[in-house]
Amino acid sequence: MALVVWSLVALRSGRELTASALFCLAVAFKQMALYFSPAFFFYLLGRSWQQTRSPLCVFAFTAGVAKFVLSALLLAQRAAR
């Protein structure tokens, strides 16, 4: 839990790379940190979205969302069988 808190402190001080490394260590140490991963991901996504809005960034985001939705649909179809 301390690694998660430490990564949040690093996020608040603007050190995203350090925070990401600490969060990865927290997940590797205790999988309970996965509960915080959506909030962590969307915070970093919002920060990167504010910094740059290049067409490549928009395309990568759209492709990522499309992959996520497609994977969710395929898993739902497989679970229904």
Protein backbone atom coordinates (compact mmCIF):
# COMPACT_ATOMS: atom_id res chain seq x y z
CA MET A 1 0.00 0.00 0.00
CA ALA A 2 2.92 2.33 0.66
CA LEU A 3 4.05 2.04 -2.96
CA VAL A 4 0.62 3.17 -4.14
CA VAL A 5 0.70 6.16 -1.79
CA TRP A 6 4.23 6.97 -2.88
CA SER A 7 3.15 6.85 -6.54
CA LEU A 8 0.26 9.21 -5.77
CA VAL A 9 2.68 11.63 -4.13
CA ALA A 10 4.88 11.45 -7.21
CA LEU A 11 1.85 12.19 -9.40
CA ARG A 12 0.96 15.23 -7.34
CA SER A 13 4.51 16.56 -7.74
CA GLY A 14 4.39 16.16 -11.51
CA ARG A 15 6.74 13.17 -11.85
CA GLU A 16 4.60 10.90 -14.01
CA LEU A 17 7.36 8.48 -15.00
CA THR A 18 8.39 7.89 -11.39
CA ALA A 19 4.76 7.49 -10.40
CA SER A 20 4.17 4.95 -13.16
CA ALA A 21 7.21 2.90 -12.15
CA LEU A 22 6.16 2.93 -8.51
CA PHE A 23 2.63 1.90 -9.41
CA CYS A 24 3.93 -0.98 -11.53
CA LEU A 25 6.00 -2.12 -8.58
CA ALA A 26 2.93 -1.88 -6.35
CA VAL A 27 0.92 -4.05 -8.75
CA ALA A 28 3.76 -6.58 -8.98
CA PHE A 29 4.03 -6.72 -5.19
CA LYS A 30 0.33 -6.86 -4.36
CA GLN A 31 -2.37 -7.36 -6.96
CA MET A 32 -4.72 -5.41 -4.69
CA ALA A 33 -3.28 -2.25 -6.29
CA LEU A 34 -5.17 -3.18 -9.47
CA TYR A 35 -8.28 -1.68 -7.85
CA PHE A 36 -6.67 1.75 -8.27
CA SER A 37 -5.46 1.19 -11.83
CA PRO A 38 -8.50 2.69 -13.66
CA ALA A 39 -8.19 5.95 -11.70
CA PHE A 40 -4.43 5.99 -12.20
CA PHE A 41 -4.78 5.31 -15.92
CA PHE A 42 -7.41 7.97 -16.54
CA TYR A 43 -5.45 10.55 -14.54
CA LEU A 44 -2.37 9.95 -16.70
CA LEU A 45 -4.52 9.92 -19.83
CA GLY A 46 -6.02 13.26 -18.89
CA ARG A 47 -2.60 14.76 -18.20
CA SER A 48 -1.24 13.59 -21.54
CA TRP A 49 -4.40 14.75 -23.34
CA GLN A 50 -3.97 18.25 -21.89
CA GLN A 51 -0.33 18.45 -22.92
CA THR A 52 -0.71 17.42 -26.56
CA ARG A 53 -3.60 17.04 -28.95
CA SER A 54 -1.76 16.01 -32.07
CA PRO A 55 -3.63 13.96 -34.70
CA LEU A 56 -1.43 10.97 -33.89
CA CYS A 57 -2.44 11.15 -30.23
CA VAL A 58 -6.13 11.33 -31.14
CA PHE A 59 -5.74 8.37 -33.52
CA ALA A 60 -3.91 6.30 -30.89
CA PHE A 61 -6.59 7.05 -28.30
CA THR A 62 -9.39 6.15 -30.71
CA ALA A 63 -7.65 2.92 -31.70
CA GLY A 64 -7.13 2.02 -28.03
CA VAL A 65 -10.80 2.57 -27.21
CA ALA A 66 -11.84 0.52 -30.24
CA LYS A 67 -9.59 -2.35 -29.15
CA PHE A 68 -10.97 -2.21 -25.62
CA VAL A 69 -14.60 -2.27 -26.81
CA LEU A 70 -13.91 -5.09 -29.26
CA SER A 71 -12.17 -7.15 -26.56
CA ALA A 72 -15.07 -6.59 -24.16
CA LEU A 73 -17.58 -7.69 -26.78
CA LEU A 74 -15.58 -10.81 -27.63
CA LEU A 75 -15.25 -11.75 -23.97
CA ALA A 76 -18.96 -11.20 -23.38
CA GLN A 77 -19.77 -13.40 -26.37
CA ARG A 78 -17.44 -16.12 -25.10
CA ALA A 79 -18.93 -15.96 -21.60
CA ALA A 80 -22.45 -16.30 -23.03
CA ARG A 81 -21.65 -19.70 -24.55
